[in-house]
Amino acid sequence: MSARVSYRPPAPMKGPAPLLSTVHEVERILHRAHARDEGPLSLAEIGRRMKAKSVRHRTVRLCVDELKRLGFITESPRNGVMWTLHADDAFWNDQGYVAL
């Protein structure tokens, strides 16, 4: 029996949305931290690791919210943000999905 995942449409944003390249940069930062077993990162630490040295907290927050909505990351109010996407091909093949 498989778990049912419900779709949650994104909430409307007030103001400009972050660029896709910014979302991808946050994704790379979290994925690298996971590969190095660094544990959860705070939003401030993610901002420090970004190429641009002047990134607004709101921009990092919006990127994290989008990645969380897509199921790539998990956020803890006390510990921070952590990459949690399960990318093992065998896991997905057992579920009946094929990697493209």
N, C-alpha and C. Protein backbone atom coordinates (compact mmCIF):
# COMPACT_ATOMS: atom_id res chain seq x y z
N MET A 1 0.84 -1.16 0.00
CA MET A 1 0.00 0.00 0.00
C MET A 1 0.90 1.24 0.00
N SER A 2 0.65 2.14 -0.91
CA SER A 2 1.49 3.33 -1.01
C SER A 2 0.85 4.50 -0.28
N ALA A 3 1.70 5.38 0.19
CA ALA A 3 1.21 6.58 0.88
C ALA A 3 0.66 7.55 -0.15
N ARG A 4 -0.40 8.21 0.17
CA ARG A 4 -1.02 9.16 -0.73
C ARG A 4 -0.45 10.54 -0.47
N VAL A 5 0.02 11.17 -1.52
CA VAL A 5 0.60 12.50 -1.41
C VAL A 5 -0.40 13.48 -2.01
N SER A 6 -0.77 14.47 -1.23
CA SER A 6 -1.73 15.44 -1.73
C SER A 6 -1.00 16.64 -2.30
N TYR A 7 -1.56 17.21 -3.37
CA TYR A 7 -0.97 18.37 -4.00
C TYR A 7 -1.43 19.62 -3.28
N ARG A 8 -0.48 20.48 -2.98
CA ARG A 8 -0.78 21.74 -2.31
C ARG A 8 -0.32 22.86 -3.24
N PRO A 9 -1.25 23.61 -3.84
CA PRO A 9 -0.82 24.68 -4.74
C PRO A 9 -0.08 25.75 -3.96
N PRO A 10 0.88 26.41 -4.63
CA PRO A 10 1.65 27.43 -3.93
C PRO A 10 0.77 28.62 -3.54
N ALA A 11 1.08 29.18 -2.40
CA ALA A 11 0.36 30.37 -1.95
C ALA A 11 0.79 31.56 -2.81
N PRO A 12 -0.12 32.47 -3.08
CA PRO A 12 0.27 33.64 -3.87
C PRO A 12 1.32 34.47 -3.13
N MET A 13 2.30 34.96 -3.88
CA MET A 13 3.38 35.74 -3.28
C MET A 13 3.08 37.22 -3.40
N LYS A 14 3.42 37.94 -2.36
CA LYS A 14 3.33 39.39 -2.41
C LYS A 14 4.73 39.90 -2.74
N GLY A 15 4.82 40.68 -3.77
CA GLY A 15 6.12 41.20 -4.18
C GLY A 15 6.77 40.27 -5.18
N PRO A 16 7.99 40.61 -5.59
CA PRO A 16 8.67 39.81 -6.61
C PRO A 16 9.11 38.45 -6.08
N ALA A 17 9.02 37.46 -6.94
CA ALA A 17 9.45 36.10 -6.60
C ALA A 17 10.94 35.97 -6.87
N PRO A 18 11.62 35.05 -6.19
CA PRO A 18 13.05 34.85 -6.45
C PRO A 18 13.26 34.25 -7.84
N LEU A 19 14.39 34.53 -8.43
CA LEU A 19 14.72 33.96 -9.73
C LEU A 19 14.92 32.45 -9.61
N LEU A 20 14.67 31.75 -10.70
CA LEU A 20 14.86 30.31 -10.69
C LEU A 20 16.32 29.95 -10.40
N SER A 21 17.25 30.76 -10.89
CA SER A 21 18.66 30.50 -10.61
C SER A 21 18.96 30.59 -9.11
N THR A 22 18.26 31.47 -8.40
CA THR A 22 18.44 31.59 -6.95
C THR A 22 17.91 30.35 -6.25
N VAL A 23 16.76 29.85 -6.69
CA VAL A 23 16.19 28.63 -6.11
C VAL A 23 17.15 27.47 -6.35
N HIS A 24 17.72 27.39 -7.54
CA HIS A 24 18.67 26.32 -7.85
C HIS A 24 19.94 26.44 -7.01
N GLU A 25 20.37 27.66 -6.74
CA GLU A 25 21.57 27.84 -5.91
C GLU A 25 21.32 27.36 -4.49
N VAL A 26 20.16 27.68 -3.93
CA VAL A 26 19.81 27.20 -2.58
C VAL A 26 19.73 25.68 -2.58
N GLU A 27 19.17 25.12 -3.64
CA GLU A 27 19.09 23.67 -3.76
C GLU A 27 20.49 23.04 -3.77
N ARG A 28 21.41 23.61 -4.53
CA ARG A 28 22.78 23.08 -4.59
C ARG A 28 23.47 23.17 -3.22
N ILE A 29 23.27 24.28 -2.53
CA ILE A 29 23.88 24.45 -1.21
C ILE A 29 23.39 23.37 -0.25
N LEU A 30 22.09 23.13 -0.23
CA LEU A 30 21.53 22.13 0.68
C LEU A 30 21.93 20.71 0.27
N HIS A 31 22.00 20.46 -1.03
CA HIS A 31 22.38 19.14 -1.51
C HIS A 31 23.84 18.84 -1.16
N ARG A 32 24.71 19.83 -1.32
CA ARG A 32 26.13 19.65 -0.95
C ARG A 32 26.29 19.43 0.55
N ALA A 33 25.54 20.18 1.34
CA ALA A 33 25.61 20.01 2.80
C ALA A 33 25.17 18.60 3.19
N HIS A 34 24.16 18.09 2.51
CA HIS A 34 23.69 16.72 2.78
C HIS A 34 24.76 15.70 2.39
N ALA A 35 25.40 15.92 1.24
CA ALA A 35 26.44 14.99 0.77
C ALA A 35 27.63 14.97 1.73
N ARG A 36 27.90 16.09 2.39
CA ARG A 36 29.02 16.18 3.33
C ARG A 36 28.61 15.85 4.77
N ASP A 37 27.37 15.43 4.98
CA ASP A 37 26.83 15.11 6.31
C ASP A 37 26.99 16.26 7.29
N GLU A 38 26.67 17.47 6.83
CA GLU A 38 26.81 18.64 7.69
C GLU A 38 25.61 18.86 8.61
N GLY A 39 24.51 18.22 8.34
CA GLY A 39 23.32 18.41 9.16
C GLY A 39 22.53 19.62 8.69
N PRO A 40 21.49 19.99 9.45
CA PRO A 40 20.64 21.10 9.04
C PRO A 40 21.39 22.44 9.02
N LEU A 41 21.03 23.30 8.06
CA LEU A 41 21.61 24.63 7.95
C LEU A 41 20.56 25.68 8.29
N SER A 42 20.98 26.73 8.96
CA SER A 42 20.06 27.84 9.23
C SER A 42 19.90 28.67 7.95
N LEU A 43 18.85 29.48 7.91
CA LEU A 43 18.64 30.35 6.75
C LEU A 43 19.78 31.35 6.61
N ALA A 44 20.32 31.81 7.74
CA ALA A 44 21.44 32.74 7.70
C ALA A 44 22.67 32.07 7.09
N GLU A 45 22.91 30.81 7.43
CA GLU A 45 24.05 30.08 6.87
C GLU A 45 23.88 29.87 5.37
N ILE A 46 22.68 29.57 4.94
CA ILE A 46 22.42 29.43 3.50
C ILE A 46 22.73 30.75 2.80
N GLY A 47 22.28 31.86 3.38
CA GLY A 47 22.56 33.18 2.81
C GLY A 47 24.05 33.47 2.74
N ARG A 48 24.81 33.05 3.75
CA ARG A 48 26.26 33.27 3.75
C ARG A 48 26.96 32.46 2.66
N ARG A 49 26.44 31.29 2.35
CA ARG A 49 27.08 30.42 1.36
C ARG A 49 26.71 30.77 -0.08
N MET A 50 25.78 31.68 -0.28
CA MET A 50 25.38 32.05 -1.63
C MET A 50 26.44 32.93 -2.28
N LYS A 51 26.50 32.87 -3.62
CA LYS A 51 27.49 33.65 -4.36
C LYS A 51 27.32 35.14 -4.12
N ALA A 52 26.08 35.61 -4.24
CA ALA A 52 25.81 37.03 -4.00
C ALA A 52 25.97 37.30 -2.51
N LYS A 53 26.68 38.33 -2.17
CA LYS A 53 26.94 38.61 -0.76
C LYS A 53 25.85 39.44 -0.12
N SER A 54 24.88 39.87 -0.89
CA SER A 54 23.81 40.68 -0.34
C SER A 54 22.47 40.05 -0.74
N VAL A 55 22.11 38.97 -0.06
CA VAL A 55 20.86 38.27 -0.34
C VAL A 55 19.90 38.54 0.81
N ARG A 56 18.71 38.96 0.46
CA ARG A 56 17.71 39.24 1.50
C ARG A 56 17.23 37.95 2.15
N HIS A 57 16.92 38.05 3.43
CA HIS A 57 16.41 36.91 4.18
C HIS A 57 15.11 36.42 3.55
N ARG A 58 14.28 37.35 3.08
CA ARG A 58 13.00 36.99 2.46
C ARG A 58 13.21 36.13 1.22
N THR A 59 14.25 36.42 0.44
CA THR A 59 14.53 35.65 -0.76
C THR A 59 14.92 34.22 -0.40
N VAL A 60 15.77 34.06 0.60
CA VAL A 60 16.15 32.72 1.05
C VAL A 60 14.93 31.99 1.59
N ARG A 61 14.10 32.68 2.34
CA ARG A 61 12.89 32.08 2.90
C ARG A 61 11.95 31.60 1.79
N LEU A 62 11.75 32.39 0.75
CA LEU A 62 10.88 32.00 -0.36
C LEU A 62 11.44 30.79 -1.10
N CYS A 63 12.75 30.75 -1.29
CA CYS A 63 13.38 29.60 -1.94
C CYS A 63 13.19 28.33 -1.10
N VAL A 64 13.41 28.45 0.19
CA VAL A 64 13.24 27.30 1.09
C VAL A 64 11.79 26.84 1.10
N ASP A 65 10.85 27.77 1.13
CA ASP A 65 9.43 27.41 1.11
C ASP A 65 9.06 26.65 -0.17
N GLU A 66 9.59 27.09 -1.30
CA GLU A 66 9.30 26.41 -2.57
C GLU A 66 9.89 25.01 -2.60
N LEU A 67 11.14 24.86 -2.18
CA LEU A 67 11.76 23.53 -2.15
C LEU A 67 11.07 22.61 -1.14
N LYS A 68 10.59 23.17 -0.05
CA LYS A 68 9.86 22.39 0.94
C LYS A 68 8.52 21.93 0.37
N ARG A 69 7.86 22.81 -0.37
CA ARG A 69 6.58 22.47 -0.98
C ARG A 69 6.74 21.34 -2.00
N LEU A 70 7.86 21.34 -2.72
CA LEU A 70 8.12 20.30 -3.71
C LEU A 70 8.59 18.98 -3.09
N GLY A 71 8.89 18.99 -1.79
CA GLY A 71 9.28 17.77 -1.09
C GLY A 71 10.76 17.45 -1.14
N PHE A 72 11.59 18.43 -1.51
CA PHE A 72 13.03 18.20 -1.58
C PHE A 72 13.70 18.36 -0.22
N ILE A 73 13.16 19.21 0.63
CA ILE A 73 13.81 19.52 1.90
C ILE A 73 12.81 19.42 3.04
N THR A 74 13.35 19.38 4.25
CA THR A 74 12.56 19.39 5.47
C THR A 74 13.10 20.50 6.35
N GLU A 75 12.19 21.19 7.02
CA GLU A 75 12.60 22.31 7.86
C GLU A 75 12.15 22.08 9.29
N SER A 76 13.06 22.34 10.21
CA SER A 76 12.78 22.28 11.63
C SER A 76 12.94 23.69 12.20
N PRO A 77 11.99 24.17 12.97
CA PRO A 77 12.13 25.52 13.52
C PRO A 77 13.35 25.68 14.42
N ARG A 78 13.80 24.62 15.05
CA ARG A 78 14.93 24.71 15.97
C ARG A 78 16.27 24.43 15.30
N ASN A 79 16.30 23.47 14.36
CA ASN A 79 17.58 23.03 13.80
C ASN A 79 17.92 23.66 12.46
N GLY A 80 16.95 23.93 11.64
CA GLY A 80 17.21 24.52 10.33
C GLY A 80 16.64 23.70 9.20
N VAL A 81 17.27 23.78 8.04
CA VAL A 81 16.78 23.18 6.81
C VAL A 81 17.73 22.07 6.39
N MET A 82 17.15 20.97 5.88
CA MET A 82 17.97 19.82 5.51
C MET A 82 17.42 19.18 4.24
N TRP A 83 18.29 18.75 3.35
CA TRP A 83 17.91 18.06 2.12
C TRP A 83 17.40 16.67 2.48
N THR A 84 16.21 16.29 1.99
CA THR A 84 15.66 14.99 2.34
C THR A 84 15.12 14.22 1.15
N LEU A 85 15.32 14.70 -0.07
CA LEU A 85 14.83 13.98 -1.25
C LEU A 85 15.53 12.64 -1.34
N HIS A 86 14.74 11.60 -1.53
CA HIS A 86 15.28 10.25 -1.64
C HIS A 86 15.55 9.98 -3.11
N ALA A 87 16.82 10.00 -3.52
CA ALA A 87 17.18 9.90 -4.93
C ALA A 87 17.69 8.52 -5.33
N ASP A 88 17.49 7.52 -4.52
CA ASP A 88 17.95 6.17 -4.83
C ASP A 88 17.07 5.56 -5.92
N ASP A 89 17.66 5.18 -7.05
CA ASP A 89 16.89 4.63 -8.17
C ASP A 89 16.15 3.36 -7.79
N ALA A 90 16.75 2.51 -6.98
CA ALA A 90 16.10 1.26 -6.58
C ALA A 90 14.82 1.54 -5.80
N PHE A 91 14.83 2.57 -4.96
CA PHE A 91 13.63 2.94 -4.20
C PHE A 91 12.50 3.31 -5.14
N TRP A 92 12.80 4.13 -6.14
CA TRP A 92 11.76 4.60 -7.06
C TRP A 92 11.31 3.48 -8.00
N ASN A 93 12.22 2.58 -8.39
CA ASN A 93 11.83 1.46 -9.25
C ASN A 93 10.88 0.54 -8.50
N ASP A 94 11.09 0.35 -7.20
CA ASP A 94 10.19 -0.48 -6.39
C ASP A 94 8.81 0.14 -6.32
N GLN A 95 8.73 1.47 -6.43
CA GLN A 95 7.44 2.17 -6.39
C GLN A 95 6.75 2.17 -7.75
N GLY A 96 7.45 1.70 -8.78
CA GLY A 96 6.85 1.64 -10.12
C GLY A 96 7.19 2.83 -11.00
N TYR A 97 8.13 3.67 -10.58
CA TYR A 97 8.53 4.84 -11.36
C TYR A 97 9.84 4.58 -12.07
N VAL A 98 10.03 5.21 -13.21
CA VAL A 98 11.25 5.06 -13.99
C VAL A 98 11.91 6.42 -14.08
N ALA A 99 13.21 6.49 -13.82
CA ALA A 99 13.95 7.75 -13.92
C ALA A 99 14.11 8.11 -15.38
N LEU A 100 13.92 9.38 -15.66
CA LEU A 100 14.08 9.85 -17.05
C LEU A 100 15.40 10.52 -17.24
